[in-house]
C-alpha atoms as a PDB file:
ATOM      1  CA  MET A   1      -1.023  -2.161 -99.233  1.00  0.00           C
ATOM      2  CA  LYS A   2      -4.471  -2.182 -97.414  1.00  0.00           C
ATOM      3  CA  ASN A   3      -3.193  -5.409 -95.430  1.00  0.00           C
ATOM      4  CA  MET A   4       0.018  -4.006 -94.579  1.00  0.00           C
ATOM      5  CA  LYS A   5      -1.374  -1.005 -92.971  1.00  0.00           C
ATOM      6  CA  LYS A   6      -3.645  -3.137 -90.942  1.00  0.00           C
ATOM      7  CA  PHE A   7      -0.965  -5.340 -89.971  1.00  0.00           C
ATOM      8  CA  ALA A   8       1.112  -2.202 -88.838  1.00  0.00           C
ATOM      9  CA  SER A   9      -1.865  -0.885 -86.746  1.00  0.00           C
ATOM     10  CA  LEU A  10      -2.306  -4.186 -85.147  1.00  0.00           C
ATOM     11  CA  PHE A  11       1.421  -4.388 -84.413  1.00  0.00           C
ATOM     12  CA  LEU A  12       1.442  -0.920 -82.581  1.00  0.00           C
ATOM     13  CA  ALA A  13      -1.496  -1.694 -80.552  1.00  0.00           C
ATOM     14  CA  LEU A  14       0.115  -4.935 -79.411  1.00  0.00           C
ATOM     15  CA  THR A  15       3.489  -3.048 -78.611  1.00  0.00           C
ATOM     16  CA  LEU A  16       1.395  -0.456 -76.508  1.00  0.00           C
ATOM     17  CA  ALA A  17      -0.445  -2.864 -74.420  1.00  0.00           C
ATOM     18  CA  LEU A  18       2.627  -5.017 -73.519  1.00  0.00           C
ATOM     19  CA  SER A  19       4.317  -1.584 -72.434  1.00  0.00           C
ATOM     20  CA  LEU A  20       1.410  -0.440 -70.338  1.00  0.00           C
ATOM     21  CA  ALA A  21       1.189  -4.127 -68.788  1.00  0.00           C
ATOM     22  CA  ALA A  22       4.925  -3.735 -67.664  1.00  0.00           C
ATOM     23  CA  CYS A  23       4.582  -0.274 -66.215  1.00  0.00           C
ATOM     24  CA  GLY A  24       1.660  -1.668 -64.200  1.00  0.00           C
ATOM     25  CA  GLY A  25       3.158  -4.700 -62.838  1.00  0.00           C
ATOM     26  CA  LYS A  26       4.017  -3.215 -59.294  1.00  0.00           C
ATOM     27  CA  THR A  27       0.769  -2.711 -57.299  1.00  0.00           C
ATOM     28  CA  GLY A  28       2.288  -1.423 -54.127  1.00  0.00           C
ATOM     29  CA  GLY A  29       3.132   2.113 -53.355  1.00  0.00           C
ATOM     30  CA  ASP A  30       6.649   3.378 -53.546  1.00  0.00           C
ATOM     31  CA  SER A  31       6.669   6.189 -51.156  1.00  0.00           C
ATOM     32  CA  ALA A  32       6.908   6.500 -47.296  1.00  0.00           C
ATOM     33  CA  GLY A  33       3.523   8.115 -47.431  1.00  0.00           C
ATOM     34  CA  ASP A  34       2.167   4.970 -49.178  1.00  0.00           C
ATOM     35  CA  SER A  35       4.031   2.327 -47.268  1.00  0.00           C
ATOM     36  CA  GLY A  36       3.061  -1.140 -45.737  1.00  0.00           C
ATOM     37  CA  ASN A  37      -0.246  -2.527 -45.070  1.00  0.00           C
ATOM     38  CA  GLY A  38       0.400  -3.389 -41.578  1.00  0.00           C
ATOM     39  CA  SER A  39       0.587  -7.027 -41.765  1.00  0.00           C
ATOM     40  CA  SER A  40       3.660  -9.219 -42.015  1.00  0.00           C
ATOM     41  CA  GLY A  41       4.581 -10.031 -45.789  1.00  0.00           C
ATOM     42  CA  GLY A  42       3.544  -6.555 -47.108  1.00  0.00           C
ATOM     43  CA  GLY A  43       4.430  -7.632 -50.607  1.00  0.00           C
ATOM     44  CA  ASP A  44       6.457  -4.843 -52.597  1.00  0.00           C
ATOM     45  CA  LYS A  45       5.265  -1.784 -50.190  1.00  0.00           C
ATOM     46  CA  GLU A  46       7.715   0.038 -48.735  1.00  0.00           C
ATOM     47  CA  PRO A  47       8.250  -0.454 -44.860  1.00  0.00           C
ATOM     48  CA  TYR A  48       7.452   2.239 -42.632  1.00  0.00           C
ATOM     49  CA  PHE A  49      10.654   4.228 -41.614  1.00  0.00           C
ATOM     50  CA  ILE A  50      10.544   5.224 -37.753  1.00  0.00           C
ATOM     51  CA  GLY A  51      12.963   7.382 -35.990  1.00  0.00           C
ATOM     52  CA  ILE A  52      13.488   6.836 -32.291  1.00  0.00           C
ATOM     53  CA  SER A  53      14.912   9.853 -30.326  1.00  0.00           C
ATOM     54  CA  GLN A  54      16.224   8.469 -26.617  1.00  0.00           C
ATOM     55  CA  TYR A  55      17.403  10.994 -24.432  1.00  0.00           C
ATOM     56  CA  GLY A  56      20.041   9.080 -22.878  1.00  0.00           C
ATOM     57  CA  GLU A  57      20.906   5.223 -22.027  1.00  0.00           C
ATOM     58  CA  HIS A  58      19.693   3.995 -18.590  1.00  0.00           C
ATOM     59  CA  GLY A  59      17.415   1.197 -17.759  1.00  0.00           C
ATOM     60  CA  SER A  60      13.966   2.898 -17.714  1.00  0.00           C
ATOM     61  CA  LEU A  61      14.405   4.477 -20.987  1.00  0.00           C
ATOM     62  CA  ASP A  62      15.869   1.334 -22.400  1.00  0.00           C
ATOM     63  CA  ASN A  63      12.981  -0.221 -21.320  1.00  0.00           C
ATOM     64  CA  CYS A  64      10.653   2.309 -22.992  1.00  0.00           C
ATOM     65  CA  ARG A  65      12.337   1.612 -26.314  1.00  0.00           C
ATOM     66  CA  GLU A  66      12.384  -2.281 -26.031  1.00  0.00           C
ATOM     67  CA  GLY A  67       8.477  -2.159 -24.833  1.00  0.00           C
ATOM     68  CA  PHE A  68       7.843   0.036 -27.918  1.00  0.00           C
ATOM     69  CA  LEU A  69       9.212  -2.335 -30.323  1.00  0.00           C
ATOM     70  CA  GLN A  70       7.145  -5.068 -28.557  1.00  0.00           C
ATOM     71  CA  GLY A  71       4.060  -3.170 -28.643  1.00  0.00           C
ATOM     72  CA  LEU A  72       4.310  -2.764 -32.273  1.00  0.00           C
ATOM     73  CA  ALA A  73       4.957  -6.655 -32.614  1.00  0.00           C
ATOM     74  CA  GLU A  74       2.126  -7.407 -30.606  1.00  0.00           C
ATOM     75  CA  ALA A  75      -0.002  -5.291 -32.994  1.00  0.00           C
ATOM     76  CA  GLY A  76       1.146  -7.457 -35.900  1.00  0.00           C
ATOM     77  CA  LEU A  77       4.207  -4.940 -37.129  1.00  0.00           C
ATOM     78  CA  MET A  78       7.540  -6.825 -37.837  1.00  0.00           C
ATOM     79  CA  GLU A  79      10.635  -5.250 -37.890  1.00  0.00           C
ATOM     80  CA  GLY A  80      12.319  -5.539 -41.140  1.00  0.00           C
ATOM     81  CA  VAL A  81       9.492  -6.661 -43.106  1.00  0.00           C
ATOM     82  CA  ASP A  82       6.623  -3.707 -41.980  1.00  0.00           C
ATOM     83  CA  PHE A  83       9.124  -1.029 -40.548  1.00  0.00           C
ATOM     84  CA  LYS A  84      12.734  -0.145 -40.085  1.00  0.00           C
ATOM     85  CA  VAL A  85      14.065   1.845 -37.516  1.00  0.00           C
ATOM     86  CA  ASP A  86      16.565   4.642 -37.054  1.00  0.00           C
ATOM     87  CA  TYR A  87      17.703   4.561 -33.497  1.00  0.00           C
ATOM     88  CA  GLN A  88      19.628   7.861 -32.074  1.00  0.00           C
ATOM     89  CA  ASN A  89      20.714   8.356 -28.708  1.00  0.00           C
ATOM     90  CA  ALA A  90      21.348  11.771 -27.288  1.00  0.00           C
ATOM     91  CA  GLY A  91      23.345  11.047 -24.494  1.00  0.00           C
ATOM     92  CA  PHE A  92      21.568  13.376 -22.397  1.00  0.00           C
ATOM     93  CA  ASP A  93      22.506  16.391 -24.452  1.00  0.00           C
ATOM     94  CA  ASP A  94      19.738  18.744 -25.585  1.00  0.00           C
ATOM     95  CA  ASN A  95      21.578  20.017 -28.425  1.00  0.00           C
ATOM     96  CA  ILE A  96      22.274  16.637 -29.768  1.00  0.00           C
ATOM     97  CA  ALA A  97      18.522  15.917 -29.368  1.00  0.00           C
ATOM     98  CA  THR A  98      17.569  18.926 -31.654  1.00  0.00           C
ATOM     99  CA  GLN A  99      20.288  17.495 -34.071  1.00  0.00           C
ATOM    100  CA  ILE A 100      18.619  14.117 -34.170  1.00  0.00           C
ATOM    101  CA  GLY A 101      15.123  15.566 -34.572  1.00  0.00           C
ATOM    102  CA  THR A 102      16.390  17.592 -37.327  1.00  0.00           C
ATOM    103  CA  THR A 103      17.987  14.502 -39.064  1.00  0.00           C
ATOM    104  CA  PHE A 104      14.774  12.574 -38.632  1.00  0.00           C
ATOM    105  CA  SER A 105      12.906  15.613 -40.517  1.00  0.00           C
ATOM    106  CA  ALA A 106      15.550  15.427 -43.186  1.00  0.00           C
ATOM    107  CA  GLU A 107      15.048  11.681 -43.635  1.00  0.00           C
ATOM    108  CA  ASN A 108      11.326  12.091 -44.228  1.00  0.00           C
ATOM    109  CA  VAL A 109      10.698   9.448 -41.430  1.00  0.00           C
ATOM    110  CA  ASP A 110       7.040   8.295 -41.327  1.00  0.00           C
ATOM    111  CA  MET A 111       6.927   8.576 -37.465  1.00  0.00           C
ATOM    112  CA  MET A 112       9.118   9.831 -34.853  1.00  0.00           C
ATOM    113  CA  VAL A 113       9.329   8.175 -31.603  1.00  0.00           C
ATOM    114  CA  ALA A 114      10.823  10.030 -28.369  1.00  0.00           C
ATOM    115  CA  VAL A 115      11.801   8.612 -25.106  1.00  0.00           C
ATOM    116  CA  ALA A 116      11.879  11.246 -22.616  1.00  0.00           C
ATOM    117  CA  THR A 117      10.736  15.118 -22.679  1.00  0.00           C
ATOM    118  CA  PRO A 118      13.838  16.622 -24.079  1.00  0.00           C
ATOM    119  CA  SER A 119      13.561  14.484 -27.057  1.00  0.00           C
ATOM    120  CA  ALA A 120      10.107  14.906 -27.551  1.00  0.00           C
ATOM    121  CA  THR A 121      10.397  18.566 -27.588  1.00  0.00           C
ATOM    122  CA  ALA A 122      13.091  18.413 -30.139  1.00  0.00           C
ATOM    123  CA  CYS A 123      11.156  15.999 -32.289  1.00  0.00           C
ATOM    124  CA  PHE A 124       8.083  18.019 -32.486  1.00  0.00           C
ATOM    125  CA  ALA A 125       9.609  21.210 -33.206  1.00  0.00           C
ATOM    126  CA  ALA A 126      11.688  19.257 -36.177  1.00  0.00           C
ATOM    127  CA  ALA A 127       8.249  17.474 -37.338  1.00  0.00           C
ATOM    128  CA  GLU A 128       5.962  20.305 -37.531  1.00  0.00           C
ATOM    129  CA  ASP A 129       6.988  21.908 -40.752  1.00  0.00           C
ATOM    130  CA  LYS A 130       6.483  18.086 -42.670  1.00  0.00           C
ATOM    131  CA  ASP A 131       3.395  17.198 -40.216  1.00  0.00           C
ATOM    132  CA  ILE A 132       5.359  14.118 -39.320  1.00  0.00           C
ATOM    133  CA  PRO A 133       3.444  12.351 -36.519  1.00  0.00           C
ATOM    134  CA  VAL A 134       5.275  12.183 -32.961  1.00  0.00           C
ATOM    135  CA  ILE A 135       4.784   9.599 -30.334  1.00  0.00           C
ATOM    136  CA  PHE A 136       6.275  10.083 -26.846  1.00  0.00           C
ATOM    137  CA  THR A 137       6.839   7.965 -23.939  1.00  0.00           C
ATOM    138  CA  ALA A 138       8.278   8.673 -20.440  1.00  0.00           C
ATOM    139  CA  ILE A 139       7.057  12.154 -20.057  1.00  0.00           C
ATOM    140  CA  THR A 140       5.623  13.101 -16.636  1.00  0.00           C
ATOM    141  CA  ASP A 141       3.759  16.361 -17.807  1.00  0.00           C
ATOM    142  CA  PRO A 142       2.723  16.576 -21.222  1.00  0.00           C
ATOM    143  CA  VAL A 143       0.789  19.586 -20.790  1.00  0.00           C
ATOM    144  CA  GLY A 144       3.474  21.514 -18.843  1.00  0.00           C
ATOM    145  CA  ALA A 145       6.013  20.719 -21.598  1.00  0.00           C
ATOM    146  CA  LYS A 146       3.422  21.676 -24.287  1.00  0.00           C
ATOM    147  CA  LEU A 147       3.117  18.516 -25.846  1.00  0.00           C
ATOM    148  CA  ASP A 148      -0.683  18.013 -25.550  1.00  0.00           C
ATOM    149  CA  SER A 149      -1.933  19.045 -28.913  1.00  0.00           C
ATOM    150  CA  GLY A 150      -0.898  19.065 -32.584  1.00  0.00           C
ATOM    151  CA  ASN A 151       0.422  16.015 -34.375  1.00  0.00           C
ATOM    152  CA  ILE A 152       1.783  14.491 -31.339  1.00  0.00           C
ATOM    153  CA  THR A 153       0.562  11.896 -28.704  1.00  0.00           C
ATOM    154  CA  GLY A 154       1.898   9.139 -26.486  1.00  0.00           C
ATOM    155  CA  THR A 155       2.114   7.996 -23.024  1.00  0.00           C
ATOM    156  CA  SER A 156       2.656   9.849 -19.539  1.00  0.00           C
ATOM    157  CA  ASP A 157       5.000   8.200 -16.830  1.00  0.00           C
ATOM    158  CA  VAL A 158       3.531  10.483 -14.156  1.00  0.00           C
ATOM    159  CA  LEU A 159       4.743   9.246 -10.764  1.00  0.00           C
ATOM    160  CA  PRO A 160       2.381   7.671  -8.266  1.00  0.00           C
ATOM    161  CA  VAL A 161       3.729  10.124  -5.310  1.00  0.00           C
ATOM    162  CA  GLU A 162       1.029   9.367  -2.778  1.00  0.00           C
ATOM    163  CA  GLY A 163       1.846   5.593  -3.315  1.00  0.00           C
ATOM    164  CA  GLN A 164       5.508   6.530  -2.578  1.00  0.00           C
ATOM    165  CA  LEU A 165       4.748   8.580   0.451  1.00  0.00           C
ATOM    166  CA  GLN A 166       2.760   5.945   1.914  1.00  0.00           C
ATOM    167  CA  LEU A 167       5.386   3.373   1.121  1.00  0.00           C
ATOM    168  CA  ILE A 168       7.957   5.721   3.089  1.00  0.00           C
ATOM    169  CA  ARG A 169       5.845   5.776   5.831  1.00  0.00           C
ATOM    170  CA  ASP A 170       4.957   2.216   6.112  1.00  0.00           C
ATOM    171  CA  LEU A 171       8.689   1.500   6.084  1.00  0.00           C
ATOM    172  CA  GLN A 172       9.862   4.234   8.067  1.00  0.00           C
ATOM    173  CA  PRO A 173       7.133   5.107  10.544  1.00  0.00           C
ATOM    174  CA  GLU A 174       9.679   7.739  12.501  1.00  0.00           C
ATOM    175  CA  ALA A 175      10.949   9.619   9.253  1.00  0.00           C
ATOM    176  CA  LYS A 176      10.372  13.415   9.087  1.00  0.00           C
ATOM    177  CA  THR A 177      12.091  14.557   6.221  1.00  0.00           C
ATOM    178  CA  VAL A 178      12.392  13.274   2.358  1.00  0.00           C
ATOM    179  CA  GLY A 179      15.293  14.577   0.230  1.00  0.00           C
ATOM    180  CA  ILE A 180      14.915  14.865  -3.639  1.00  0.00           C
ATOM    181  CA  ILE A 181      17.472  16.006  -6.074  1.00  0.00           C
ATOM    182  CA  TYR A 182      16.090  17.250  -9.291  1.00  0.00           C
ATOM    183  CA  THR A 183      17.259  18.600 -12.693  1.00  0.00           C
ATOM    184  CA  THR A 184      15.929  22.300 -12.891  1.00  0.00           C
ATOM    185  CA  SER A 185      15.622  22.085 -16.385  1.00  0.00           C
ATOM    186  CA  GLU A 186      13.636  19.155 -16.571  1.00  0.00           C
ATOM    187  CA  ALA A 187       9.783  19.672 -16.786  1.00  0.00           C
ATOM    188  CA  ASN A 188       8.910  16.305 -15.620  1.00  0.00           C
ATOM    189  CA  SER A 189      11.022  16.737 -12.348  1.00  0.00           C
ATOM    190  CA  VAL A 190       9.868  20.139 -11.760  1.00  0.00           C
ATOM    191  CA  TYR A 191       6.263  18.959 -11.978  1.00  0.00           C
ATOM    192  CA  SER A 192       6.790  15.787  -9.684  1.00  0.00           C
ATOM    193  CA  VAL A 193       8.803  18.121  -7.218  1.00  0.00           C
ATOM    194  CA  GLY A 194       5.868  20.084  -6.844  1.00  0.00           C
ATOM    195  CA  VAL A 195       3.287  17.211  -6.355  1.00  0.00           C
ATOM    196  CA  TYR A 196       5.629  15.885  -3.607  1.00  0.00           C
ATOM    197  CA  GLU A 197       5.903  19.522  -1.835  1.00  0.00           C
ATOM    198  CA  GLU A 198       2.082  19.696  -2.252  1.00  0.00           C
ATOM    199  CA  LYS A 199       1.263  15.883  -0.788  1.00  0.00           C
ATOM    200  CA  ALA A 200       4.102  15.436   1.867  1.00  0.00           C
ATOM    201  CA  ALA A 201       2.474  17.066   4.802  1.00  0.00           C
ATOM    202  CA  GLU A 202      -0.621  14.607   4.364  1.00  0.00           C
ATOM    203  CA  TYR A 203       1.818  11.833   5.331  1.00  0.00           C
ATOM    204  CA  GLY A 204       3.795  13.651   8.047  1.00  0.00           C
ATOM    205  CA  PHE A 205       6.713  14.431   5.998  1.00  0.00           C
ATOM    206  CA  ALA A 206       8.683  17.768   4.969  1.00  0.00           C
ATOM    207  CA  VAL A 207      10.490  18.062   2.025  1.00  0.00           C
ATOM    208  CA  GLU A 208      14.154  19.131   1.220  1.00  0.00           C
ATOM    209  CA  THR A 209      14.893  19.691  -2.454  1.00  0.00           C
ATOM    210  CA  VAL A 210      18.269  20.578  -4.257  1.00  0.00           C
ATOM    211  CA  GLY A 211      18.178  21.745  -7.972  1.00  0.00           C
ATOM    212  CA  VAL A 212      20.995  20.692 -10.020  1.00  0.00           C
ATOM    213  CA  THR A 213      21.866  21.471 -13.904  1.00  0.00           C
ATOM    214  CA  ALA A 214      24.087  18.810 -14.832  1.00  0.00           C
ATOM    215  CA  GLN A 215      25.285  15.206 -13.575  1.00  0.00           C
ATOM    216  CA  ALA A 216      28.613  16.647 -12.156  1.00  0.00           C
ATOM    217  CA  GLU A 217      26.484  18.658  -9.641  1.00  0.00           C
ATOM    218  CA  VAL A 218      24.455  15.751  -8.492  1.00  0.00           C
ATOM    219  CA  THR A 219      26.871  14.153  -5.590  1.00  0.00           C
ATOM    220  CA  GLN A 220      27.423  17.528  -4.086  1.00  0.00           C
ATOM    221  CA  ALA A 221      23.720  17.596  -3.900  1.00  0.00           C
ATOM    222  CA  VAL A 222      23.526  14.378  -1.935  1.00  0.00           C
ATOM    223  CA  ASP A 223      25.863  15.776   0.447  1.00  0.00           C
ATOM    224  CA  THR A 224      24.148  18.745   0.725  1.00  0.00           C
ATOM    225  CA  LEU A 225      21.034  16.695   1.695  1.00  0.00           C
ATOM    226  CA  LEU A 226      22.836  14.731   3.887  1.00  0.00           C
ATOM    227  CA  SER A 227      24.216  17.474   5.830  1.00  0.00           C
ATOM    228  CA  LYS A 228      20.661  18.797   6.415  1.00  0.00           C
ATOM    229  CA  GLY A 229      19.858  15.311   8.149  1.00  0.00           C
ATOM    230  CA  VAL A 230      17.238  13.913   5.762  1.00  0.00           C
ATOM    231  CA  ASP A 231      15.682  10.542   7.034  1.00  0.00           C
ATOM    232  CA  CYS A 232      15.534   9.183   3.104  1.00  0.00           C
ATOM    233  CA  LEU A 233      16.053  10.103  -0.500  1.00  0.00           C
ATOM    234  CA  SER A 234      13.014   9.680  -3.037  1.00  0.00           C
ATOM    235  CA  ASN A 235      14.599   9.484  -6.394  1.00  0.00           C
ATOM    236  CA  LEU A 236      12.353  10.889  -9.404  1.00  0.00           C
ATOM    237  CA  THR A 237      12.573   9.628 -13.072  1.00  0.00           C
ATOM    238  CA  ASP A 238      14.981  12.488 -13.238  1.00  0.00           C
ATOM    239  CA  ASN A 239      17.232  11.542 -16.517  1.00  0.00           C
ATOM    240  CA  THR A 240      20.222  13.455 -15.314  1.00  0.00           C
ATOM    241  CA  VAL A 241      19.922  12.075 -11.680  1.00  0.00           C
ATOM    242  CA  VAL A 242      19.140   8.490 -12.793  1.00  0.00           C
ATOM    243  CA  GLY A 243      22.267   8.470 -14.966  1.00  0.00           C
ATOM    244  CA  VAL A 244      24.343   8.535 -11.869  1.00  0.00           C
ATOM    245  CA  LEU A 245      22.239   6.556  -9.300  1.00  0.00           C
ATOM    246  CA  PRO A 246      25.476   4.195  -8.414  1.00  0.00           C
ATOM    247  CA  ALA A 247      27.219   7.040  -7.184  1.00  0.00           C
ATOM    248  CA  ILE A 248      24.332   8.567  -5.289  1.00  0.00           C
ATOM    249  CA  LEU A 249      24.054   5.355  -3.403  1.00  0.00           C
ATOM    250  CA  GLU A 250      27.219   4.920  -2.708  1.00  0.00           C
ATOM    251  CA  LYS A 251      27.244   7.963  -0.533  1.00  0.00           C
ATOM    252  CA  THR A 252      23.816   7.321   1.116  1.00  0.00           C
ATOM    253  CA  ASN A 253      24.666   3.661   1.658  1.00  0.00           C
ATOM    254  CA  GLU A 254      27.954   4.993   3.544  1.00  0.00           C
ATOM    255  CA  ALA A 255      25.710   7.345   5.561  1.00  0.00           C
ATOM    256  CA  GLY A 256      22.898   4.798   6.212  1.00  0.00           C
ATOM    257  CA  VAL A 257      20.265   6.855   4.575  1.00  0.00           C
ATOM    258  CA  PRO A 258      17.969   4.734   2.287  1.00  0.00           C
ATOM    259  CA  VAL A 259      17.020   5.772  -1.209  1.00  0.00           C
ATOM    260  CA  TYR A 260      13.325   5.002  -2.542  1.00  0.00           C
ATOM    261  CA  GLY A 261      13.277   4.593  -6.431  1.00  0.00           C
ATOM    262  CA  SER A 262      10.467   5.374  -8.984  1.00  0.00           C
ATOM    263  CA  GLU A 263      10.838   2.394 -11.214  1.00  0.00           C
ATOM    264  CA  VAL A 264      11.747  -1.361 -11.061  1.00  0.00           C
ATOM    265  CA  GLU A 265      15.371  -0.652 -12.492  1.00  0.00           C
ATOM    266  CA  GLN A 266      16.177   1.769  -9.572  1.00  0.00           C
ATOM    267  CA  MET A 267      15.477  -0.890  -7.148  1.00  0.00           C
ATOM    268  CA  LYS A 268      17.441  -3.312  -9.076  1.00  0.00           C
ATOM    269  CA  LEU A 269      20.706  -1.076  -8.847  1.00  0.00           C
ATOM    270  CA  GLY A 270      20.161  -0.859  -4.909  1.00  0.00           C
ATOM    271  CA  CYS A 271      17.236   1.256  -3.924  1.00  0.00           C
ATOM    272  CA  VAL A 272      15.774  -0.265  -0.948  1.00  0.00           C
ATOM    273  CA  ALA A 273      11.942   0.131  -2.448  1.00  0.00           C
ATOM    274  CA  GLY A 274       9.571   2.015  -4.352  1.00  0.00           C
ATOM    275  CA  ALA A 275       6.166   2.554  -5.736  1.00  0.00           C
ATOM    276  CA  GLY A 276       6.889   2.638  -9.215  1.00  0.00           C
ATOM    277  CA  LEU A 277       6.235   1.891 -13.128  1.00  0.00           C
ATOM    278  CA  ASP A 278       7.028  -1.141 -15.214  1.00  0.00           C
ATOM    279  CA  TYR A 279       8.404   0.912 -18.293  1.00  0.00           C
ATOM    280  CA  ILE A 280       8.250  -2.235 -20.634  1.00  0.00           C
ATOM    281  CA  LYS A 281       4.480  -2.004 -20.099  1.00  0.00           C
ATOM    282  CA  LEU A 282       4.694   1.848 -20.653  1.00  0.00           C
ATOM    283  CA  GLY A 283       6.430   1.198 -23.923  1.00  0.00           C
ATOM    284  CA  ILE A 284       4.486  -1.695 -24.921  1.00  0.00           C
ATOM    285  CA  GLN A 285       1.215   0.795 -24.853  1.00  0.00           C
ATOM    286  CA  THR A 286       3.035   3.306 -26.617  1.00  0.00           C
ATOM    287  CA  GLY A 287       3.750   1.099 -29.472  1.00  0.00           C
ATOM    288  CA  GLN A 288      -0.085  -0.125 -29.897  1.00  0.00           C
ATOM    289  CA  MET A 289      -0.969   3.461 -30.183  1.00  0.00           C
ATOM    290  CA  ALA A 290       1.858   4.063 -32.848  1.00  0.00           C
ATOM    291  CA  ALA A 291       0.793   0.698 -34.818  1.00  0.00           C
ATOM    292  CA  LYS A 292      -2.813   2.568 -35.170  1.00  0.00           C
ATOM    293  CA  ILE A 293      -1.569   5.822 -36.362  1.00  0.00           C
ATOM    294  CA  LEU A 294       1.047   4.117 -38.693  1.00  0.00           C
ATOM    295  CA  ARG A 295      -1.841   2.061 -40.498  1.00  0.00           C
ATOM    296  CA  GLY A 296      -4.076   5.154 -40.644  1.00  0.00           C
ATOM    297  CA  GLU A 297      -6.679   3.833 -38.061  1.00  0.00           C
ATOM    298  CA  ALA A 298      -6.169   6.851 -36.142  1.00  0.00           C
ATOM    299  CA  THR A 299      -4.561  10.249 -35.998  1.00  0.00           C
ATOM    300  CA  CYS A 300      -2.424  12.077 -33.420  1.00  0.00           C
ATOM    301  CA  GLN A 301      -4.998  14.916 -33.117  1.00  0.00           C
ATOM    302  CA  ASP A 302      -7.811  12.390 -32.368  1.00  0.00           C
ATOM    303  CA  THR A 303      -5.865  10.083 -30.021  1.00  0.00           C
ATOM    304  CA  PRO A 304      -5.228  11.768 -26.409  1.00  0.00           C
ATOM    305  CA  TYR A 305      -2.121  11.078 -24.473  1.00  0.00           C
ATOM    306  CA  GLU A 306      -2.380   8.197 -22.193  1.00  0.00           C
ATOM    307  CA  VAL A 307      -1.546   7.801 -18.525  1.00  0.00           C
ATOM    308  CA  ILE A 308      -0.249   4.461 -17.005  1.00  0.00           C
ATOM    309  CA  GLU A 309      -2.890   4.131 -13.994  1.00  0.00           C
ATOM    310  CA  ASN A 310      -1.575   1.089 -12.337  1.00  0.00           C
ATOM    311  CA  PHE A 311       1.653   1.106 -10.156  1.00  0.00           C
ATOM    312  CA  ASP A 312       3.469  -1.730  -8.547  1.00  0.00           C
ATOM    313  CA  LEU A 313       5.382  -1.754  -5.275  1.00  0.00           C
ATOM    314  CA  TYR A 314       9.001  -3.013  -5.586  1.00  0.00           C
ATOM    315  CA  ILE A 315      11.447  -4.228  -2.736  1.00  0.00           C
ATOM    316  CA  ASN A 316      15.063  -5.112  -2.574  1.00  0.00           C
ATOM    317  CA  PRO A 317      15.337  -7.188   0.391  1.00  0.00           C
ATOM    318  CA  GLU A 318      19.127  -6.991   0.383  1.00  0.00           C
ATOM    319  CA  ALA A 319      19.377  -3.323   0.443  1.00  0.00           C
ATOM    320  CA  LEU A 320      16.376  -3.166   3.109  1.00  0.00           C
ATOM    321  CA  ASP A 321      18.204  -5.140   5.553  1.00  0.00           C
ATOM    322  CA  ALA A 322      21.460  -3.469   4.899  1.00  0.00           C
ATOM    323  CA  MET A 323      19.723  -0.202   6.227  1.00  0.00           C
ATOM    324  CA  GLY A 324      17.803  -2.301   9.081  1.00  0.00           C
ATOM    325  CA  ILE A 325      14.374  -1.651   7.805  1.00  0.00           C
ATOM    326  CA  ARG A 326      11.536  -4.141   8.514  1.00  0.00           C
ATOM    327  CA  VAL A 327       9.070  -4.699   5.871  1.00  0.00           C
ATOM    328  CA  PRO A 328       5.432  -4.811   7.321  1.00  0.00           C
ATOM    329  CA  GLU A 329       3.740  -8.232   6.148  1.00  0.00           C
ATOM    330  CA  ASP A 330       1.013  -6.220   4.257  1.00  0.00           C
ATOM    331  CA  VAL A 331       3.720  -4.401   2.248  1.00  0.00           C
ATOM    332  CA  SER A 332       5.907  -7.457   1.832  1.00  0.00           C
ATOM    333  CA  SER A 333       2.854  -9.680   0.496  1.00  0.00           C
ATOM    334  CA  ALA A 334       2.068  -7.056  -1.956  1.00  0.00           C
ATOM    335  CA  ALA A 335       5.560  -6.153  -3.278  1.00  0.00           C
ATOM    336  CA  ILE A 336       7.562  -7.552  -5.998  1.00  0.00           C
ATOM    337  CA  ASP A 337      10.991  -8.857  -4.651  1.00  0.00           C
ATOM    338  CA  VAL A 338      13.480  -7.399  -7.480  1.00  0.00           C
ATOM    339  CA  THR A 339      16.329  -9.744  -6.254  1.00  0.00           C
ATOM    340  CA  LYS A 340      14.370 -12.810  -7.450  1.00  0.00           C
END
C-alpha cells in the first residue's frame, strides 16, 4: 500500500509538470500592447496594428502614405510580418474622418496615423480616452490646430513661402499681384495665407485671396481672381483646392495666367513651377518616427513634431513655354525638371 501511494504521488507530480510545460510553450505576447519586437520574423508575437486615416486621395497625400510605409521598412519593420494596416480614406469629408477615428479606437489599434489636418484632429479626439499614440503628417500648423501636445506627434509640411515668392519674382519680373484660393476651414491654408500676406510686400507683390468652403466653389473662385487681373496664382497644399487642380488649370491656361504649385505632384499636373516639398521624403521621416514609438524607444510626449526644412525648386518646361515664360539660367540649373 505504501508503494502504491508513492507511485500515485509521482504520477500526479509528473502530470502537473507536463501540464505547466504545455501552458508555458508560447513565449510571445498575445495582445496588441505586447506586440512585435521590431524586427522581421518576430516569432509568435502579434504584429503591430496601425490605422491609417487619409483625408482624401491626391498625389501629395498618397505620397505621404507611401513614404510612411517606406520609412517603416527602412526602420526594419516589414508589413505583414511586423505590422498590419487598416487604411481608410475620408474622401475629403470631415464627418467620415471622425467615423474613421472612432473605428480605429474601437479596433484598439496600436497607433493611428493621420494624413492631413482634419484626419489628425479626428484621430486625436478618438484616441484620447484610450491613450493610443497618434502620428500625423502633412500638417502645416500643428500649433494652430492644437496638435502639438499630448500623445501625438509627427511631421509638418509648412510651406517655403519666401522661396515661392522669390521664384515668382525671378520668373515674372513685372508681376504685381498673386492670387490664392484657399479653404476657410483648413487651418493649414489659413496659416499659409497669413504668411503670404505678411511676406508678399517684401518681394513687391500684393495678394488677392478668395476663400471657399467646398470644391464646388473653386472654379468660381478662379473666375473671381481672373476678373481682378491677377498676374498668377500660387496654389497651396489645400486639400479641397488641390482635389480639383485640373479644373483650375483648364481655366487659367485659357486665360494665359500661370499657376505655381507647392509640391512636385502639382507641377506634374501642369503648374509652371514651384518651391515645394517632396512628400515621399516627408512620409519617410514620419515612418521612422513612428517606428521608434512602436518599439518603445520613444513616446509621442517626448518627441516634438518635426518640420522638413529643405525644399526643392521644380519646373515644368512645357507649361512654362505655353505661358511664354523664360527661365533664368540660375533657376534652371537649380531646379528639377518634372517632365524628365
